[in-house]
Amino acid sequence: MLFLLWILLVLPFSAWVVRKLSQVVRHPIFTRKNLTNNRPIVLDRRKRNEILANSFSPQKVEGQQFDAIIIGSGPSGMSTGSYLAKGGKKVLVLEQHDTAGGSCHTFLDKGYEFDAGHHYSPYMDPKIPTSVFIHAAVGGNIDFIQLMGYRKENQITTSEAFKSITERSPDMSVVLQFLTTDLTPGNLWSYPLWAFATAIMKGGSAYPKGGSSEYPFQMGCEIVERGGTVLVNANVEKIIMNSSNTKACGVIVKKGNKRTSIFAPIIVSSAGLAVTINDLLPSNIPKNSPWFEEMNKHLKFPGHSYFHAFVGLRGTVEELGLITHPLRSFATNEPMMERCEEMSFEEAMEAEIPMMMFLGCSGADPTSSLRNPGKCVVQLLMCASSKWFSQWEGGKPMHRDDEYEARKNAYGHKAIETMYRLYPQLEGRIDYLSFATEVTVHHYLNRKSGGYSKLALTPYKMSLEASLNLRPDTPIEGLFLTGEDTFIVAVITAILSGTITASRILNRNLILEGLVWHFYDKLRRRIFGDYSSQLPNKGEPHS
């Protein structure tokens, strides 16, 4: 009887353990080599463009057999690709824009380089367990420059902190409500999501040395070095299904008037839930599938938008007195995001800008002066209403009418006046100026209403029902999702979502593998005092 029990229980379990261990041994992901900085920073733009701006052509994919095709090159798509490549898969990443990176891409105009969406992130201290997943995705090749720390004595409950602050300064209530409502109005934002977003910033904020594009560049290098390909100007028109519409087996890429079919057994969409359901899949699938009917419940978007100003300045960081950390200014103690959404454009032009964030990007990155000597950039981020520019939704950038340009420039110059009041030393130093509205953000980053999250971060998103639906795997065989819609909006959490998606595809628990490595390495360093494998964290120059 015991022998039979051993046959039925022990042998299958042993076989499962051996199979899992063989996967880890054949394609190890969390190793000292994969987590240690061994690639120097590349400042040569032509070499960077070999990874970030490799334009699609049918000849580049003909005759190749890919194991996985990833739609979108944002941090989640590139993270998924990096992990899959390390797991032994040949990966193809397709990006509609002319540069890879999604919200982490940068653009260069007249010698000034700007971040498109990412401005700062949590400090990836190697002592924090989750940092191992970020460093594994980029091969340990990003140094994070700490911008602001966090005082341990301030680790009290939120209610205690808020009460103490508002008792000393009642006007601080406006700052606190912004900290809880910048993505979704406070009466809708799920508290666990807010608590998590706050917790990951506990170690302070940081900026990647080399700029935001280091994220896609380093992850792209990880993919290409393992036989994969990252192609831009590759607009995925549709996901190819089998005859019974039960399995995804490829994609159709449209470039000009030509369409190219590319096949692979694994298709990963990082384009967002709405785009995947409404645009990429055949139209009859959402109508026929109960799962997609359930998913449509989640297609609720943030109600407010942002307006961007990209400012190029003549001079060095020292000459201009640029700060290294984000700074927010407030003109009202009313609930600003809701107030901004309610205002007409004419009312907004008469009122003070309720909230503006000043981002001294050049001050945060010491390599900025090496890439663009004598030039600095700052970015301004203002709350706006999704109604102000909605009539121009769907138009092509640089091809909208004079009314749009006049309205955009009027609000943009109002922001510049506010900047001068905060930083008078910048007056007369502007050499470049450009503005972006919600329709620009939607066009390039697929964010409805120009907000910073694709789906509203409501309590429903944290419900058991949503957790069952918003997963990497789908009822369609071979189709997987990745990105903020399956997790939380932020660059770091998008990379973590790629870890989770890759886990499902590789049938490996990468979260467990990463945590085991983290605590093993921590114990090894504590016993032997060997810090040679410690992950990069201080932004020291590469050798």
Protein backbone atom coordinates (compact mmCIF):
# COMPACT_ATOMS: atom_id res chain seq x y z
CA MET A 1 0.00 0.00 0.00
CA LEU A 2 2.78 2.43 0.90
CA PHE A 3 4.62 1.49 -2.28
CA LEU A 4 1.50 2.24 -4.34
CA LEU A 5 1.10 5.58 -2.55
CA TRP A 6 4.74 6.37 -3.31
CA ILE A 7 4.17 5.53 -6.98
CA LEU A 8 1.07 7.74 -7.18
CA LEU A 9 2.35 10.74 -5.23
CA VAL A 10 6.12 10.85 -4.88
CA LEU A 11 7.12 9.90 -8.41
CA PRO A 12 4.93 12.51 -10.19
CA PHE A 13 6.10 15.19 -7.76
CA SER A 14 9.73 14.16 -8.27
CA ALA A 15 9.27 14.25 -12.03
CA TRP A 16 7.74 17.74 -11.77
CA VAL A 17 10.68 18.95 -9.65
CA VAL A 18 13.20 17.49 -12.11
CA ARG A 19 11.39 19.10 -15.05
CA LYS A 20 11.34 22.51 -13.38
CA LEU A 21 14.98 22.27 -12.33
CA SER A 22 16.00 21.27 -15.85
CA GLN A 23 14.33 24.43 -17.20
CA VAL A 24 16.26 26.56 -14.74
CA VAL A 25 19.54 24.76 -15.50
CA ARG A 26 19.13 24.91 -19.30
CA HIS A 27 18.01 28.55 -19.37
CA PRO A 28 19.00 30.23 -16.10
CA ILE A 29 17.69 33.78 -15.79
CA PHE A 30 18.67 34.89 -12.31
CA THR A 31 22.44 34.48 -12.35
CA ARG A 32 25.35 36.69 -11.40
CA LYS A 33 26.18 37.17 -15.09
CA ASN A 34 22.63 38.26 -16.00
CA LEU A 35 22.36 40.60 -13.03
CA THR A 36 25.76 42.29 -13.10
CA ASN A 37 26.50 45.41 -15.10
CA ASN A 38 28.77 44.31 -17.95
CA ARG A 39 27.76 46.61 -20.82
CA PRO A 40 29.15 50.15 -21.02
CA ILE A 41 26.80 53.06 -21.58
CA VAL A 42 26.41 53.71 -25.31
CA LEU A 43 26.26 57.43 -26.13
CA ASP A 44 26.67 57.03 -29.90
CA ARG A 45 23.18 57.64 -31.26
CA ARG A 46 23.80 55.57 -34.39
CA LYS A 47 24.67 52.52 -32.31
CA ARG A 48 21.64 53.06 -30.09
CA ASN A 49 19.42 53.32 -33.16
CA GLU A 50 20.55 49.87 -34.26
CA ILE A 51 18.42 48.64 -31.36
CA LEU A 52 15.84 51.40 -30.93
CA ALA A 53 15.19 52.51 -34.52
CA ASN A 54 15.56 49.41 -36.70
CA SER A 55 12.79 50.02 -39.24
CA PHE A 56 10.54 47.18 -40.36
CA SER A 57 10.79 45.66 -43.82
CA PRO A 58 9.44 42.29 -45.02
CA GLN A 59 12.98 41.17 -45.85
CA LYS A 60 13.99 41.39 -42.18
CA VAL A 61 11.45 38.73 -41.15
CA GLU A 62 11.26 36.52 -44.24
CA GLY A 63 12.48 32.98 -43.68
CA GLN A 64 12.77 33.41 -39.91
CA GLN A 65 10.98 31.19 -37.41
CA PHE A 66 10.01 33.17 -34.32
CA ASP A 67 8.84 31.56 -31.10
CA ALA A 68 7.02 34.67 -29.92
CA ILE A 69 5.79 37.95 -31.41
CA ILE A 70 5.29 40.89 -29.05
CA ILE A 71 3.04 43.77 -30.10
CA GLY A 72 4.37 47.00 -28.61
CA SER A 73 7.81 47.94 -27.31
CA GLY A 74 6.86 49.68 -24.08
CA PRO A 75 8.50 48.56 -20.83
CA SER A 76 6.08 45.63 -20.43
CA GLY A 77 6.56 44.36 -23.98
CA MET A 78 10.33 44.69 -23.86
CA SER A 79 10.45 43.12 -20.40
CA THR A 80 8.42 40.14 -21.61
CA GLY A 81 10.73 39.84 -24.62
CA SER A 82 13.86 40.03 -22.48
CA TYR A 83 12.66 37.28 -20.16
CA LEU A 84 11.45 35.08 -23.03
CA ALA A 85 14.80 35.50 -24.81
CA LYS A 86 16.64 34.47 -21.65
CA GLY A 87 14.25 31.52 -21.43
CA GLY A 88 15.37 30.24 -24.83
CA LYS A 89 12.73 31.81 -27.11
CA LYS A 90 13.43 33.63 -30.36
CA VAL A 91 11.51 36.89 -29.99
CA LEU A 92 10.22 39.50 -32.44
CA VAL A 93 9.09 42.85 -31.01
CA LEU A 94 6.97 45.06 -33.29
CA GLU A 95 6.47 48.79 -32.59
CA GLN A 96 4.17 51.14 -34.55
CA HIS A 97 6.20 54.27 -33.69
CA ASP A 98 9.53 55.19 -35.31
CA THR A 99 11.43 54.49 -32.10
CA ALA A 100 11.12 51.72 -29.52
CA GLY A 101 10.29 52.28 -25.88
CA GLY A 102 6.64 53.30 -25.54
CA SER A 103 6.37 55.63 -22.54
CA CYS A 104 10.14 55.25 -22.03
CA HIS A 105 11.20 56.44 -25.45
CA THR A 106 12.94 59.76 -25.91
CA PHE A 107 12.80 62.08 -28.89
CA LEU A 108 15.45 64.43 -30.24
CA ASP A 109 14.52 67.73 -31.86
CA LYS A 110 16.98 70.48 -32.79
CA GLY A 111 19.61 69.02 -30.49
CA TYR A 112 17.33 68.69 -27.45
CA GLU A 113 16.41 65.26 -26.08
CA PHE A 114 13.15 64.83 -24.17
CA ASP A 115 11.48 62.01 -22.24
CA ALA A 116 8.14 61.09 -23.78
CA GLY A 117 6.46 59.71 -20.67
CA HIS A 118 8.79 58.43 -17.97
CA HIS A 119 10.29 61.07 -15.68
CA TYR A 120 11.27 59.24 -12.50
CA SER A 121 10.73 55.88 -10.87
CA PRO A 122 11.29 54.16 -7.51
CA TYR A 123 14.90 53.76 -6.46
CA MET A 124 15.93 50.19 -7.28
CA ASP A 125 17.98 49.47 -4.18
CA PRO A 126 19.40 45.91 -4.40
CA LYS A 127 18.25 45.37 -0.82
CA ILE A 128 14.63 45.52 -2.02
CA PRO A 129 13.55 42.05 -3.26
CA THR A 130 11.53 43.34 -6.23
CA SER A 131 14.60 45.11 -7.64
CA VAL A 132 15.97 41.77 -8.83
CA PHE A 133 13.24 41.54 -11.50
CA ILE A 134 14.02 44.99 -12.89
CA HIS A 135 17.76 44.32 -13.02
CA ALA A 136 17.18 40.89 -14.61
CA ALA A 137 15.07 42.44 -17.38
CA VAL A 138 17.80 44.96 -18.28
CA GLY A 139 20.67 42.55 -17.66
CA GLY A 140 21.87 44.60 -14.69
CA ASN A 141 22.95 47.30 -17.12
CA ILE A 142 21.19 50.36 -15.71
CA ASP A 143 22.58 52.50 -12.92
CA PHE A 144 19.86 54.30 -10.97
CA ILE A 145 20.67 57.77 -9.69
CA GLN A 146 18.86 58.45 -6.44
CA LEU A 147 16.99 61.74 -6.47
CA MET A 148 15.31 61.82 -3.07
CA GLY A 149 15.50 59.56 -0.04
CA TYR A 150 12.93 58.65 2.57
CA ARG A 151 13.15 59.26 6.33
CA LYS A 152 12.58 56.16 8.44
CA GLU A 153 11.02 58.22 11.22
CA ASN A 154 8.24 59.19 8.83
CA GLN A 155 7.01 55.60 8.50
CA ILE A 156 3.73 56.13 10.29
CA THR A 157 0.22 55.36 9.14
CA THR A 158 -1.28 57.41 6.34
CA SER A 159 -4.13 58.73 8.49
CA GLU A 160 -1.70 59.82 11.23
CA ALA A 161 0.57 61.53 8.73
CA PHE A 162 -2.27 63.30 6.90
CA LYS A 163 -3.87 64.45 10.16
CA SER A 164 -0.58 65.75 11.55
CA ILE A 165 0.28 67.63 8.37
CA THR A 166 -3.12 69.25 7.87
CA GLU A 167 -3.29 70.32 11.53
CA ARG A 168 -0.04 72.26 11.07
CA SER A 169 -0.97 73.60 7.66
CA PRO A 170 -4.58 73.32 6.45
CA ASP A 171 -3.54 74.28 2.92
CA MET A 172 -1.47 71.09 2.72
CA SER A 173 -4.71 69.19 2.14
CA VAL A 174 -4.44 70.15 -1.53
CA VAL A 175 -1.01 68.53 -1.79
CA LEU A 176 -2.19 65.37 -0.08
CA GLN A 177 -5.27 65.04 -2.26
CA PHE A 178 -3.06 65.38 -5.34
CA LEU A 179 -0.85 62.56 -4.10
CA THR A 180 -3.90 60.33 -4.00
CA THR A 181 -5.75 61.50 -7.11
CA ASP A 182 -3.25 62.23 -9.86
CA LEU A 183 -4.21 59.06 -11.75
CA THR A 184 -7.85 58.55 -10.77
CA PRO A 185 -10.21 60.72 -8.68
CA GLY A 186 -9.84 59.87 -4.98
CA ASN A 187 -13.43 58.72 -4.57
CA LEU A 188 -12.79 56.11 -7.28
CA TRP A 189 -9.16 55.08 -6.76
CA SER A 190 -8.72 51.74 -5.03
CA TYR A 191 -6.92 52.20 -1.71
CA PRO A 192 -4.77 49.01 -2.06
CA LEU A 193 -3.53 50.29 -5.43
CA TRP A 194 -2.66 53.68 -3.95
CA ALA A 195 -0.96 52.02 -0.97
CA PHE A 196 1.14 49.83 -3.27
CA ALA A 197 2.10 52.78 -5.48
CA THR A 198 3.17 54.70 -2.38
CA ALA A 199 5.05 51.77 -0.85
CA ILE A 200 7.29 51.18 -3.87
CA MET A 201 8.43 54.81 -3.61
CA LYS A 202 9.51 54.27 0.02
CA GLY A 203 13.16 54.08 -0.93
CA GLY A 204 12.98 57.42 -2.72
CA SER A 205 12.84 58.28 -6.40
CA ALA A 206 15.47 57.64 -9.03
CA TYR A 207 16.35 58.33 -12.64
CA PRO A 208 18.15 55.92 -14.98
CA LYS A 209 21.65 57.06 -15.87
CA GLY A 210 21.64 57.65 -19.61
CA GLY A 211 18.00 58.71 -19.74
CA SER A 212 14.65 56.96 -19.95
CA SER A 213 15.52 55.25 -23.22
CA GLU A 214 18.03 53.12 -21.30
CA TYR A 215 15.12 50.87 -20.33
CA PRO A 216 14.15 49.85 -23.89
CA PHE A 217 17.74 50.01 -25.12
CA GLN A 218 19.11 47.60 -22.52
CA MET A 219 16.14 45.24 -22.77
CA GLY A 220 16.41 45.41 -26.55
CA CYS A 221 20.09 44.47 -26.32
CA GLU A 222 19.14 41.46 -24.19
CA ILE A 223 16.70 40.35 -26.91
CA VAL A 224 18.98 40.96 -29.90
CA GLU A 225 22.02 39.32 -28.28
CA ARG A 226 19.94 36.14 -27.94
CA GLY A 227 18.85 36.02 -31.58
CA GLY A 228 15.71 38.15 -31.39
CA THR A 229 14.70 41.27 -33.31
CA VAL A 230 13.16 44.64 -32.42
CA LEU A 231 11.53 46.46 -35.36
CA VAL A 232 9.87 49.89 -35.45
CA ASN A 233 7.51 51.46 -38.00
CA ALA A 234 5.70 48.12 -37.79
CA ASN A 235 1.99 48.82 -37.43
CA VAL A 236 0.27 45.57 -36.41
CA GLU A 237 -3.11 45.72 -38.12
CA LYS A 238 -4.60 42.42 -36.96
CA ILE A 239 -3.83 39.27 -35.02
CA ILE A 240 -4.13 36.22 -37.28
CA MET A 241 -6.45 33.50 -35.96
CA ASN A 242 -6.94 29.90 -37.05
CA SER A 243 -10.04 28.90 -39.01
CA SER A 244 -12.09 28.27 -35.87
CA ASN A 245 -11.04 31.56 -34.20
CA THR A 246 -9.76 29.69 -31.16
CA LYS A 247 -6.01 30.13 -31.56
CA ALA A 248 -3.73 33.09 -32.33
CA CYS A 249 -1.05 32.12 -34.81
CA GLY A 250 0.46 35.34 -36.17
CA VAL A 251 0.07 39.02 -36.98
CA ILE A 252 -0.46 41.19 -40.04
CA VAL A 253 1.89 44.18 -40.29
CA LYS A 254 0.81 47.06 -42.49
CA LYS A 255 3.41 49.43 -43.90
CA GLY A 256 2.18 51.77 -46.57
CA ASN A 257 -0.07 49.79 -48.89
CA LYS A 258 1.72 46.51 -48.24
CA ARG A 259 0.72 43.90 -45.68
CA THR A 260 3.05 41.24 -44.32
CA SER A 261 1.93 38.14 -42.42
CA ILE A 262 4.28 36.87 -39.71
CA PHE A 263 3.56 33.63 -37.86
CA ALA A 264 4.51 32.40 -34.40
CA PRO A 265 2.92 30.07 -31.82
CA ILE A 266 2.97 32.78 -29.12
CA ILE A 267 1.48 36.26 -29.54
CA VAL A 268 1.84 38.80 -26.72
CA SER A 269 -0.05 42.09 -26.79
CA SER A 270 1.27 44.98 -24.73
CA ALA A 271 -0.92 47.41 -26.66
CA GLY A 272 -3.52 47.57 -23.90
CA LEU A 273 -6.82 45.83 -23.34
CA ALA A 274 -8.94 48.25 -25.38
CA VAL A 275 -6.70 48.16 -28.46
CA THR A 276 -6.34 44.37 -28.28
CA ILE A 277 -10.09 43.75 -28.05
CA ASN A 278 -11.41 46.48 -30.32
CA ASP A 279 -8.69 46.75 -32.96
CA LEU A 280 -6.34 43.78 -33.12
CA LEU A 281 -8.69 40.81 -32.80
CA PRO A 282 -11.30 39.89 -35.44
CA SER A 283 -14.53 41.76 -34.75
CA ASN A 284 -16.64 38.64 -34.28
CA ILE A 285 -14.61 37.37 -31.32
CA PRO A 286 -15.76 39.95 -28.73
CA LYS A 287 -19.37 39.27 -29.76
CA ASN A 288 -19.06 35.50 -29.43
CA SER A 289 -16.93 35.18 -26.30
CA PRO A 290 -18.31 35.57 -22.75
CA TRP A 291 -14.77 36.35 -21.62
CA PHE A 292 -14.58 39.41 -23.86
CA GLU A 293 -18.00 40.54 -22.69
CA GLU A 294 -16.60 40.45 -19.16
CA MET A 295 -13.44 42.28 -20.24
CA ASN A 296 -15.48 45.14 -21.68
CA LYS A 297 -16.55 45.97 -18.12
CA HIS A 298 -12.98 47.04 -17.46
CA LEU A 299 -12.82 49.51 -20.35
CA LYS A 300 -13.36 52.52 -18.12
CA PHE A 301 -10.83 55.22 -18.63
CA PRO A 302 -9.37 57.93 -16.39
CA GLY A 303 -11.41 61.09 -16.52
CA HIS A 304 -8.65 63.67 -16.65
CA SER A 305 -5.72 64.49 -18.86
CA TYR A 306 -2.35 66.18 -18.86
CA PHE A 307 -0.80 68.93 -20.93
CA HIS A 308 2.95 68.83 -21.64
CA ALA A 309 5.50 71.55 -22.34
CA PHE A 310 8.94 70.56 -23.65
CA VAL A 311 11.47 73.32 -23.01
CA GLY A 312 15.01 73.48 -24.38
CA LEU A 313 17.41 75.84 -22.60
CA ARG A 314 20.82 77.24 -23.49
CA GLY A 315 23.39 76.65 -20.77
CA THR A 316 24.59 74.03 -18.33
CA VAL A 317 22.77 72.56 -15.34
CA GLU A 318 24.93 74.64 -13.00
CA GLU A 319 24.42 77.89 -14.93
CA LEU A 320 20.65 77.40 -15.01
CA GLY A 321 20.34 76.18 -11.43
CA LEU A 322 18.23 73.17 -12.38
CA ILE A 323 16.94 70.91 -9.64
CA THR A 324 17.39 67.15 -9.81
CA HIS A 325 14.01 66.07 -8.45
CA PRO A 326 10.41 66.66 -9.58
CA LEU A 327 8.73 69.72 -8.07
CA ARG A 328 4.98 70.36 -7.92
CA SER A 329 3.40 73.79 -7.56
CA PHE A 330 -0.21 74.40 -6.53
CA ALA A 331 -2.40 77.43 -7.14
CA THR A 332 -5.51 76.29 -5.30
CA ASN A 333 -6.60 74.20 -2.35
CA GLU A 334 -9.65 72.89 -4.22
CA PRO A 335 -9.74 69.32 -5.60
CA MET A 336 -7.69 70.31 -8.62
CA MET A 337 -8.06 67.36 -10.97
CA GLU A 338 -11.85 67.35 -10.75
CA ARG A 339 -11.94 71.16 -11.00
CA CYS A 340 -9.70 71.09 -14.06
CA GLU A 341 -11.93 68.54 -15.77
CA GLU A 342 -15.02 70.69 -15.17
CA MET A 343 -13.53 73.94 -16.52
CA SER A 344 -14.01 75.06 -20.08
CA PHE A 345 -10.89 76.06 -21.99
CA GLU A 346 -11.87 79.73 -21.73
CA GLU A 347 -12.25 79.43 -17.95
CA ALA A 348 -8.87 77.71 -17.72
CA MET A 349 -7.18 80.56 -19.57
CA GLU A 350 -8.60 83.05 -17.05
CA ALA A 351 -7.64 81.01 -13.96
CA GLU A 352 -4.28 80.06 -12.50
CA ILE A 353 -3.00 76.63 -13.55
CA PRO A 354 -4.18 74.49 -10.59
CA MET A 355 -1.18 72.16 -10.58
CA MET A 356 2.08 72.10 -12.49
CA MET A 357 4.96 69.67 -12.18
CA PHE A 358 8.46 70.90 -13.02
CA LEU A 359 10.86 68.20 -14.18
CA GLY A 360 14.53 69.14 -14.52
CA CYS A 361 15.47 66.09 -16.56
CA SER A 362 18.97 67.29 -17.45
CA GLY A 363 19.73 67.91 -13.79
CA ALA A 364 18.85 64.31 -12.93
CA ASP A 365 21.18 62.67 -15.47
CA PRO A 366 24.94 63.40 -15.47
CA THR A 367 25.32 61.94 -18.97
CA SER A 368 22.95 64.54 -20.42
CA SER A 369 25.78 67.06 -20.78
CA LEU A 370 27.86 64.45 -22.63
CA ARG A 371 25.09 63.65 -25.10
CA ASN A 372 24.01 67.26 -25.69
CA PRO A 373 26.71 69.67 -24.45
CA GLY A 374 25.63 73.22 -23.66
CA LYS A 375 21.95 72.28 -23.76
CA CYS A 376 19.48 71.40 -21.01
CA VAL A 377 15.85 70.35 -21.03
CA VAL A 378 13.02 70.74 -18.58
CA GLN A 379 9.47 69.48 -18.91
CA LEU A 380 6.28 70.92 -17.50
CA LEU A 381 3.27 68.76 -16.75
CA MET A 382 -0.11 70.39 -16.10
CA CYS A 383 -3.55 68.99 -15.37
CA ALA A 384 -6.00 69.53 -18.21
CA SER A 385 -9.49 68.54 -19.27
CA SER A 386 -10.14 65.74 -21.73
CA LYS A 387 -12.71 68.03 -23.40
CA TRP A 388 -10.38 70.87 -24.38
CA PHE A 389 -8.88 69.17 -27.43
CA SER A 390 -11.22 66.18 -27.96
CA GLN A 391 -12.59 67.52 -31.26
CA TRP A 392 -9.16 66.91 -32.82
CA GLU A 393 -9.02 63.28 -31.69
CA GLY A 394 -7.79 60.96 -34.44
CA GLY A 395 -5.95 63.61 -36.45
CA LYS A 396 -2.32 63.25 -37.45
CA PRO A 397 0.32 65.11 -35.43
CA MET A 398 1.63 68.23 -37.19
CA HIS A 399 -1.44 68.18 -39.48
CA ARG A 400 -4.13 69.68 -37.22
CA ASP A 401 -5.79 73.01 -37.99
CA ASP A 402 -4.91 76.54 -36.90
CA GLU A 403 -7.50 76.61 -34.11
CA TYR A 404 -5.89 73.59 -32.47
CA GLU A 405 -2.42 75.15 -32.72
CA ALA A 406 -3.65 78.49 -31.35
CA ARG A 407 -5.38 76.86 -28.38
CA LYS A 408 -2.40 74.61 -27.65
CA ASN A 409 0.09 77.48 -27.81
CA ALA A 410 -2.06 79.75 -25.65
CA TYR A 411 -2.21 77.28 -22.77
CA GLY A 412 1.43 76.33 -23.28
CA HIS A 413 2.66 79.91 -22.97
CA LYS A 414 0.52 80.32 -19.87
CA ALA A 415 2.52 77.43 -18.39
CA ILE A 416 5.79 79.12 -19.37
CA GLU A 417 4.73 82.27 -17.50
CA THR A 418 4.14 80.14 -14.41
CA MET A 419 7.59 78.58 -14.84
CA TYR A 420 9.20 82.04 -14.96
CA ARG A 421 7.55 82.98 -11.66
CA LEU A 422 9.00 79.85 -10.06
CA TYR A 423 12.41 80.04 -11.77
CA PRO A 424 13.08 83.61 -12.93
CA GLN A 425 16.67 82.70 -13.88
CA LEU A 426 15.29 80.73 -16.85
CA GLU A 427 13.74 83.77 -18.50
CA GLY A 428 15.47 84.56 -21.77
CA ARG A 429 17.24 81.18 -21.90
CA ILE A 430 14.62 79.27 -23.92
CA ASP A 431 15.94 78.04 -27.25
CA TYR A 432 13.29 75.41 -28.02
CA LEU A 433 9.61 75.11 -27.13
CA SER A 434 6.99 72.50 -27.99
CA PHE A 435 3.64 71.50 -26.50
CA ALA A 436 1.65 68.27 -26.42
CA THR A 437 -2.02 67.73 -25.63
CA GLU A 438 -4.13 64.73 -24.70
CA VAL A 439 -4.62 63.81 -28.38
CA THR A 440 -0.84 63.68 -28.85
CA VAL A 441 -0.49 61.35 -25.87
CA HIS A 442 -3.33 59.16 -27.13
CA HIS A 443 -1.80 58.96 -30.61
CA TYR A 444 1.67 57.88 -29.48
CA LEU A 445 0.98 56.01 -26.22
CA ASN A 446 -2.57 54.68 -26.73
CA ARG A 447 -3.82 56.38 -23.57
CA LYS A 448 -7.46 57.33 -23.80
CA SER A 449 -8.14 60.95 -22.74
CA GLY A 450 -4.40 61.60 -22.52
CA GLY A 451 -4.14 60.31 -18.97
CA TYR A 452 -1.27 58.37 -17.47
CA SER A 453 -3.15 55.11 -17.05
CA LYS A 454 -5.03 53.16 -19.70
CA LEU A 455 -7.71 51.78 -17.38
CA ALA A 456 -9.20 53.56 -14.39
CA LEU A 457 -7.62 52.41 -11.12
CA THR A 458 -10.95 51.78 -9.42
CA PRO A 459 -11.83 49.31 -6.65
CA TYR A 460 -13.40 47.16 -9.38
CA LYS A 461 -9.93 46.66 -10.88
CA MET A 462 -8.89 45.10 -7.56
CA SER A 463 -11.97 42.89 -7.29
CA LEU A 464 -11.79 39.10 -7.44
CA GLU A 465 -13.67 39.19 -10.73
CA ALA A 466 -11.15 41.57 -12.27
CA SER A 467 -8.23 39.54 -10.94
CA LEU A 468 -9.63 36.48 -12.71
CA ASN A 469 -10.08 38.37 -15.99
CA LEU A 470 -7.12 40.75 -16.17
CA ARG A 471 -4.49 38.05 -16.42
CA PRO A 472 -1.63 37.39 -18.85
CA ASP A 473 -3.32 34.30 -20.31
CA THR A 474 -6.55 34.50 -22.30
CA PRO A 475 -9.14 31.96 -23.50
CA ILE A 476 -7.56 32.25 -26.94
CA GLU A 477 -4.78 29.71 -27.24
CA GLY A 478 -1.42 31.32 -27.92
CA LEU A 479 -2.56 34.87 -27.04
CA PHE A 480 -1.19 36.57 -23.93
CA LEU A 481 -1.51 40.05 -22.44
CA THR A 482 1.10 42.12 -20.67
CA GLY A 483 1.32 45.67 -19.41
CA GLU A 484 -0.30 47.99 -16.93
CA ASP A 485 -3.81 46.70 -17.66
CA THR A 486 -2.85 43.37 -16.11
CA PHE A 487 -1.11 45.06 -13.18
CA ILE A 488 -0.63 48.74 -12.23
CA VAL A 489 0.44 51.81 -14.21
CA ALA A 490 4.13 52.75 -13.79
CA VAL A 491 7.33 51.84 -15.58
CA ILE A 492 8.57 49.56 -12.81
CA THR A 493 5.26 47.74 -12.45
CA ALA A 494 5.02 47.41 -16.24
CA ILE A 495 8.38 45.63 -16.20
CA LEU A 496 7.09 43.42 -13.40
CA SER A 497 4.01 42.60 -15.48
CA GLY A 498 6.40 41.39 -18.19
CA THR A 499 7.98 39.08 -15.61
CA ILE A 500 4.56 37.63 -14.78
CA THR A 501 3.57 37.20 -18.45
CA ALA A 502 6.87 35.48 -19.24
CA SER A 503 6.33 33.20 -16.25
CA ARG A 504 3.04 32.05 -17.71
CA ILE A 505 4.47 31.51 -21.20
CA LEU A 506 7.61 29.70 -20.02
CA ASN A 507 5.60 27.75 -17.45
CA ARG A 508 8.11 28.84 -14.81
CA ASN A 509 7.58 30.70 -11.56
CA LEU A 510 10.01 33.53 -12.27
CA ILE A 511 8.83 35.43 -9.20
CA LEU A 512 9.86 32.53 -6.97
CA GLU A 513 13.13 32.03 -8.88
CA GLY A 514 13.99 35.71 -8.52
CA LEU A 515 13.21 35.86 -4.82
CA VAL A 516 15.20 32.68 -4.16
CA TRP A 517 18.18 34.22 -5.98
CA HIS A 518 17.80 37.52 -4.11
CA PHE A 519 17.85 35.92 -0.66
CA TYR A 520 20.58 33.45 -1.64
CA ASP A 521 22.79 36.27 -2.89
CA LYS A 522 22.02 38.34 0.19
CA LEU A 523 22.98 35.43 2.47
CA ARG A 524 26.11 34.66 0.45
CA ARG A 525 27.32 38.25 0.68
CA ARG A 526 26.58 38.36 4.39
CA ILE A 527 28.60 35.19 5.02
CA PHE A 528 31.51 35.74 2.65
CA GLY A 529 31.54 39.52 2.48
CA ASP A 530 31.78 39.39 -1.31
CA TYR A 531 29.97 42.30 -2.90
CA SER A 532 31.20 41.70 -6.42
CA SER A 533 27.79 40.48 -7.53
CA GLN A 534 25.88 43.35 -5.98
CA LEU A 535 23.60 44.94 -8.51
CA PRO A 536 24.40 48.45 -9.76
CA ASN A 537 22.67 51.04 -7.62
CA LYS A 538 24.73 54.19 -7.22
CA GLY A 539 25.03 55.38 -10.79
CA GLU A 540 28.82 54.99 -10.81
CA PRO A 541 30.49 55.30 -14.23
CA HIS A 542 30.94 52.15 -16.23
CA SER A 543 34.45 50.82 -16.60
